[in-house]
Amino acid sequence: MFKKFFSKNTTIPKTIELKAYASGTIVKLEDVPDPVFSEKMMGDGIAIEPIEGKIVSPVDGEIIQVFPTKHAIGIKTNNGVEILIHIGLETVAMNGEGFNAHVSQGEKVKVGDVLATFDLELVKEKAKSTIIPIIITNTDKMEKIEKPILSGKVQAADQVILTASVLNS
């Protein structure tokens, strides 16, 4: 009888919402000026043209990768959605200059937690673009990916910009 009162609800949701991970303007993935992203070679998603150099977590999850150059971060949600946030285009060549990671692999994060900061002006100067794509890299395990916002301005950690529903296992 008391089990009901004291047991934790361990139901894992099938669908998760991804909030805006940066403040700025939404860009359709197909409009990102890099074929790796626009042709969805790594997976499906969306992008944001940032107005400031701060990235926050779009989901509750675990950091599964922080690239050595700090320009990209991978997150896995508790229902198995794997996400890659890539700061700018062709920023790997900057070798971490102007990038600061605020998380490390294995760390648990909540929506709105600061993942990274970067020098937006330096990225404008040294990289191909400041656009920040977010990619669901394991789309083969998704039943459905929806994009409720395809244009306009967003505020970090406020609006839902993607939903992802995992296939039943």
C-alpha atoms as a PDB file:
ATOM      1  CA  MET A   1       0.000   0.000   0.000  1.00  0.00           C
ATOM      2  CA  PHE A   2       2.713   2.495   0.940  1.00  0.00           C
ATOM      3  CA  LYS A   3       4.708   1.621  -2.179  1.00  0.00           C
ATOM      4  CA  LYS A   4       2.436   3.906  -4.193  1.00  0.00           C
ATOM      5  CA  PHE A   5       3.232   6.829  -1.915  1.00  0.00           C
ATOM      6  CA  PHE A   6       6.980   6.339  -1.711  1.00  0.00           C
ATOM      7  CA  SER A   7       7.986   4.953  -5.101  1.00  0.00           C
ATOM      8  CA  LYS A   8       9.364   7.371  -7.626  1.00  0.00           C
ATOM      9  CA  ASN A   9       7.591   7.747 -10.926  1.00  0.00           C
ATOM     10  CA  THR A  10      10.085   6.250 -13.357  1.00  0.00           C
ATOM     11  CA  THR A  11       8.003   6.642 -16.504  1.00  0.00           C
ATOM     12  CA  ILE A  12      10.227   7.949 -19.270  1.00  0.00           C
ATOM     13  CA  PRO A  13       8.388  10.290 -21.631  1.00  0.00           C
ATOM     14  CA  LYS A  14       8.165   9.284 -25.295  1.00  0.00           C
ATOM     15  CA  THR A  15       8.211  12.907 -26.482  1.00  0.00           C
ATOM     16  CA  ILE A  16      10.519  15.635 -25.265  1.00  0.00           C
ATOM     17  CA  GLU A  17      10.516  19.353 -25.941  1.00  0.00           C
ATOM     18  CA  LEU A  18      13.680  21.207 -26.857  1.00  0.00           C
ATOM     19  CA  LYS A  19      13.684  24.852 -25.872  1.00  0.00           C
ATOM     20  CA  ALA A  20      15.660  27.627 -27.532  1.00  0.00           C
ATOM     21  CA  TYR A  21      19.339  27.159 -26.612  1.00  0.00           C
ATOM     22  CA  ALA A  22      20.332  30.699 -27.620  1.00  0.00           C
ATOM     23  CA  SER A  23      18.647  34.062 -28.027  1.00  0.00           C
ATOM     24  CA  GLY A  24      18.342  35.182 -31.623  1.00  0.00           C
ATOM     25  CA  THR A  25      16.562  34.447 -34.889  1.00  0.00           C
ATOM     26  CA  ILE A  26      15.377  30.992 -35.971  1.00  0.00           C
ATOM     27  CA  VAL A  27      16.890  29.680 -39.217  1.00  0.00           C
ATOM     28  CA  LYS A  28      15.531  26.605 -40.995  1.00  0.00           C
ATOM     29  CA  LEU A  29      18.157  23.876 -41.160  1.00  0.00           C
ATOM     30  CA  GLU A  30      17.786  23.805 -44.955  1.00  0.00           C
ATOM     31  CA  ASP A  31      18.908  27.479 -45.002  1.00  0.00           C
ATOM     32  CA  VAL A  32      22.143  26.918 -43.038  1.00  0.00           C
ATOM     33  CA  PRO A  33      25.053  27.737 -45.411  1.00  0.00           C
ATOM     34  CA  ASP A  34      26.820  24.406 -44.870  1.00  0.00           C
ATOM     35  CA  PRO A  35      25.728  21.204 -46.660  1.00  0.00           C
ATOM     36  CA  VAL A  36      26.608  19.005 -43.671  1.00  0.00           C
ATOM     37  CA  PHE A  37      23.727  20.691 -41.845  1.00  0.00           C
ATOM     38  CA  SER A  38      21.410  21.870 -44.653  1.00  0.00           C
ATOM     39  CA  GLU A  39      21.373  18.430 -46.290  1.00  0.00           C
ATOM     40  CA  LYS A  40      20.811  16.791 -42.880  1.00  0.00           C
ATOM     41  CA  MET A  41      23.899  14.567 -43.160  1.00  0.00           C
ATOM     42  CA  MET A  42      24.221  14.452 -39.353  1.00  0.00           C
ATOM     43  CA  GLY A  43      20.495  14.468 -38.592  1.00  0.00           C
ATOM     44  CA  ASP A  44      17.496  16.783 -38.453  1.00  0.00           C
ATOM     45  CA  GLY A  45      17.107  19.970 -36.469  1.00  0.00           C
ATOM     46  CA  ILE A  46      16.985  23.734 -36.673  1.00  0.00           C
ATOM     47  CA  ALA A  47      19.381  26.650 -36.167  1.00  0.00           C
ATOM     48  CA  ILE A  48      19.582  30.024 -34.443  1.00  0.00           C
ATOM     49  CA  GLU A  49      21.462  33.141 -35.558  1.00  0.00           C
ATOM     50  CA  PRO A  50      22.562  34.343 -32.083  1.00  0.00           C
ATOM     51  CA  ILE A  51      22.475  37.868 -30.705  1.00  0.00           C
ATOM     52  CA  GLU A  52      24.773  37.016 -27.779  1.00  0.00           C
ATOM     53  CA  GLY A  53      27.554  34.569 -27.025  1.00  0.00           C
ATOM     54  CA  LYS A  54      25.746  32.254 -24.614  1.00  0.00           C
ATOM     55  CA  ILE A  55      24.407  28.720 -25.107  1.00  0.00           C
ATOM     56  CA  VAL A  56      22.021  27.120 -22.613  1.00  0.00           C
ATOM     57  CA  SER A  57      20.718  23.599 -22.356  1.00  0.00           C
ATOM     58  CA  PRO A  58      17.548  23.056 -24.396  1.00  0.00           C
ATOM     59  CA  VAL A  59      16.658  19.925 -22.379  1.00  0.00           C
ATOM     60  CA  ASP A  60      17.200  18.060 -19.157  1.00  0.00           C
ATOM     61  CA  GLY A  61      19.869  15.469 -19.856  1.00  0.00           C
ATOM     62  CA  GLU A  62      23.471  14.385 -19.615  1.00  0.00           C
ATOM     63  CA  ILE A  63      26.473  15.879 -21.386  1.00  0.00           C
ATOM     64  CA  ILE A  64      27.844  13.093 -23.583  1.00  0.00           C
ATOM     65  CA  GLN A  65      30.501  15.134 -25.356  1.00  0.00           C
ATOM     66  CA  VAL A  66      32.299  18.468 -25.162  1.00  0.00           C
ATOM     67  CA  PHE A  67      34.538  18.846 -28.191  1.00  0.00           C
ATOM     68  CA  PRO A  68      38.173  19.720 -27.300  1.00  0.00           C
ATOM     69  CA  THR A  69      37.772  22.986 -29.243  1.00  0.00           C
ATOM     70  CA  LYS A  70      34.638  23.772 -27.160  1.00  0.00           C
ATOM     71  CA  HIS A  71      32.661  24.705 -30.304  1.00  0.00           C
ATOM     72  CA  ALA A  72      30.223  21.788 -30.016  1.00  0.00           C
ATOM     73  CA  ILE A  73      28.427  19.965 -27.215  1.00  0.00           C
ATOM     74  CA  GLY A  74      26.480  16.706 -27.204  1.00  0.00           C
ATOM     75  CA  ILE A  75      23.577  15.986 -24.852  1.00  0.00           C
ATOM     76  CA  LYS A  76      21.496  12.851 -24.312  1.00  0.00           C
ATOM     77  CA  THR A  77      18.025  13.036 -22.788  1.00  0.00           C
ATOM     78  CA  ASN A  78      16.655  10.395 -20.432  1.00  0.00           C
ATOM     79  CA  ASN A  79      14.456   9.024 -23.231  1.00  0.00           C
ATOM     80  CA  GLY A  80      17.452   8.579 -25.548  1.00  0.00           C
ATOM     81  CA  VAL A  81      17.333  11.625 -27.818  1.00  0.00           C
ATOM     82  CA  GLU A  82      20.911  12.565 -28.773  1.00  0.00           C
ATOM     83  CA  ILE A  83      21.497  16.227 -29.535  1.00  0.00           C
ATOM     84  CA  LEU A  84      24.453  18.120 -30.957  1.00  0.00           C
ATOM     85  CA  ILE A  85      24.760  21.906 -30.589  1.00  0.00           C
ATOM     86  CA  HIS A  86      27.373  23.296 -32.997  1.00  0.00           C
ATOM     87  CA  ILE A  87      28.449  26.893 -32.322  1.00  0.00           C
ATOM     88  CA  GLY A  88      29.044  28.662 -35.636  1.00  0.00           C
ATOM     89  CA  LEU A  89      30.155  27.203 -38.955  1.00  0.00           C
ATOM     90  CA  GLU A  90      33.768  26.183 -39.578  1.00  0.00           C
ATOM     91  CA  THR A  91      34.622  27.180 -36.013  1.00  0.00           C
ATOM     92  CA  VAL A  92      36.694  24.044 -35.381  1.00  0.00           C
ATOM     93  CA  ALA A  93      39.557  25.916 -37.114  1.00  0.00           C
ATOM     94  CA  MET A  94      39.515  28.467 -34.274  1.00  0.00           C
ATOM     95  CA  ASN A  95      40.990  25.744 -32.007  1.00  0.00           C
ATOM     96  CA  GLY A  96      38.912  26.835 -29.033  1.00  0.00           C
ATOM     97  CA  GLU A  97      39.909  30.508 -29.226  1.00  0.00           C
ATOM     98  CA  GLY A  98      37.066  32.585 -27.812  1.00  0.00           C
ATOM     99  CA  PHE A  99      35.083  29.544 -26.541  1.00  0.00           C
ATOM    100  CA  ASN A 100      34.471  28.571 -22.905  1.00  0.00           C
ATOM    101  CA  ALA A 101      32.721  25.346 -21.916  1.00  0.00           C
ATOM    102  CA  HIS A 102      30.835  25.513 -18.621  1.00  0.00           C
ATOM    103  CA  VAL A 103      30.031  21.779 -18.521  1.00  0.00           C
ATOM    104  CA  SER A 104      31.952  18.530 -18.844  1.00  0.00           C
ATOM    105  CA  GLN A 105      31.198  15.025 -20.055  1.00  0.00           C
ATOM    106  CA  GLY A 106      28.984  13.065 -17.662  1.00  0.00           C
ATOM    107  CA  GLU A 107      27.469  16.160 -16.065  1.00  0.00           C
ATOM    108  CA  LYS A 108      23.690  16.344 -15.666  1.00  0.00           C
ATOM    109  CA  VAL A 109      22.034  19.529 -16.968  1.00  0.00           C
ATOM    110  CA  LYS A 110      18.606  21.116 -16.777  1.00  0.00           C
ATOM    111  CA  VAL A 111      16.846  23.404 -19.268  1.00  0.00           C
ATOM    112  CA  GLY A 112      18.452  26.841 -19.099  1.00  0.00           C
ATOM    113  CA  ASP A 113      21.787  25.755 -17.569  1.00  0.00           C
ATOM    114  CA  VAL A 114      24.672  27.588 -19.260  1.00  0.00           C
ATOM    115  CA  LEU A 115      26.599  25.115 -21.431  1.00  0.00           C
ATOM    116  CA  ALA A 116      29.074  27.464 -23.110  1.00  0.00           C
ATOM    117  CA  THR A 117      29.931  31.076 -23.725  1.00  0.00           C
ATOM    118  CA  PHE A 118      31.802  32.444 -26.706  1.00  0.00           C
ATOM    119  CA  ASP A 119      33.090  35.698 -28.161  1.00  0.00           C
ATOM    120  CA  LEU A 120      30.433  36.461 -30.780  1.00  0.00           C
ATOM    121  CA  GLU A 121      32.515  39.208 -32.411  1.00  0.00           C
ATOM    122  CA  LEU A 122      35.528  36.898 -32.726  1.00  0.00           C
ATOM    123  CA  VAL A 123      33.369  34.192 -34.327  1.00  0.00           C
ATOM    124  CA  LYS A 124      31.993  36.811 -36.768  1.00  0.00           C
ATOM    125  CA  GLU A 125      35.570  37.740 -37.636  1.00  0.00           C
ATOM    126  CA  LYS A 126      37.164  34.280 -37.889  1.00  0.00           C
ATOM    127  CA  ALA A 127      34.432  31.787 -38.855  1.00  0.00           C
ATOM    128  CA  LYS A 128      32.210  31.271 -41.889  1.00  0.00           C
ATOM    129  CA  SER A 129      29.057  32.062 -39.894  1.00  0.00           C
ATOM    130  CA  THR A 130      27.760  32.567 -36.356  1.00  0.00           C
ATOM    131  CA  ILE A 131      24.698  30.354 -37.007  1.00  0.00           C
ATOM    132  CA  ILE A 132      24.268  27.678 -34.338  1.00  0.00           C
ATOM    133  CA  PRO A 133      22.593  24.486 -35.568  1.00  0.00           C
ATOM    134  CA  ILE A 134      21.050  21.990 -33.170  1.00  0.00           C
ATOM    135  CA  ILE A 135      20.864  18.485 -34.570  1.00  0.00           C
ATOM    136  CA  ILE A 136      19.093  15.353 -33.378  1.00  0.00           C
ATOM    137  CA  THR A 137      21.827  12.929 -34.380  1.00  0.00           C
ATOM    138  CA  ASN A 138      19.937   9.678 -33.823  1.00  0.00           C
ATOM    139  CA  THR A 139      16.970  10.460 -36.090  1.00  0.00           C
ATOM    140  CA  ASP A 140      16.763   6.750 -36.978  1.00  0.00           C
ATOM    141  CA  LYS A 141      15.420   6.188 -33.457  1.00  0.00           C
ATOM    142  CA  MET A 142      12.816   8.965 -33.739  1.00  0.00           C
ATOM    143  CA  GLU A 143       9.194   8.394 -34.654  1.00  0.00           C
ATOM    144  CA  LYS A 144       8.575  12.084 -35.217  1.00  0.00           C
ATOM    145  CA  ILE A 145      10.441  15.405 -35.074  1.00  0.00           C
ATOM    146  CA  GLU A 146       8.361  18.569 -35.116  1.00  0.00           C
ATOM    147  CA  LYS A 147       9.441  22.190 -35.516  1.00  0.00           C
ATOM    148  CA  PRO A 148       6.779  24.465 -34.018  1.00  0.00           C
ATOM    149  CA  ILE A 149       8.749  27.648 -34.791  1.00  0.00           C
ATOM    150  CA  LEU A 150      10.291  28.076 -38.259  1.00  0.00           C
ATOM    151  CA  SER A 151      11.083  31.799 -38.194  1.00  0.00           C
ATOM    152  CA  GLY A 152      11.231  34.826 -35.938  1.00  0.00           C
ATOM    153  CA  LYS A 153      12.988  35.719 -32.718  1.00  0.00           C
ATOM    154  CA  VAL A 154      13.457  33.393 -29.760  1.00  0.00           C
ATOM    155  CA  GLN A 155      14.741  33.854 -26.220  1.00  0.00           C
ATOM    156  CA  ALA A 156      17.060  31.275 -24.664  1.00  0.00           C
ATOM    157  CA  ALA A 157      15.204  28.677 -22.538  1.00  0.00           C
ATOM    158  CA  ASP A 158      11.790  30.204 -23.349  1.00  0.00           C
ATOM    159  CA  GLN A 159      10.187  28.866 -26.532  1.00  0.00           C
ATOM    160  CA  VAL A 160       9.898  25.232 -27.595  1.00  0.00           C
ATOM    161  CA  ILE A 161      11.698  25.031 -30.952  1.00  0.00           C
ATOM    162  CA  LEU A 162      11.657  21.243 -31.504  1.00  0.00           C
ATOM    163  CA  THR A 163       9.824  18.206 -30.218  1.00  0.00           C
ATOM    164  CA  ALA A 164      11.179  14.699 -30.644  1.00  0.00           C
ATOM    165  CA  SER A 165       9.256  11.479 -30.157  1.00  0.00           C
ATOM    166  CA  VAL A 166      11.228   8.256 -29.830  1.00  0.00           C
ATOM    167  CA  LEU A 167      10.163   5.011 -31.471  1.00  0.00           C
ATOM    168  CA  ASN A 168       8.738   2.362 -29.190  1.00  0.00           C
ATOM    169  CA  SER A 169      11.427  -0.159 -28.348  1.00  0.00           C
END
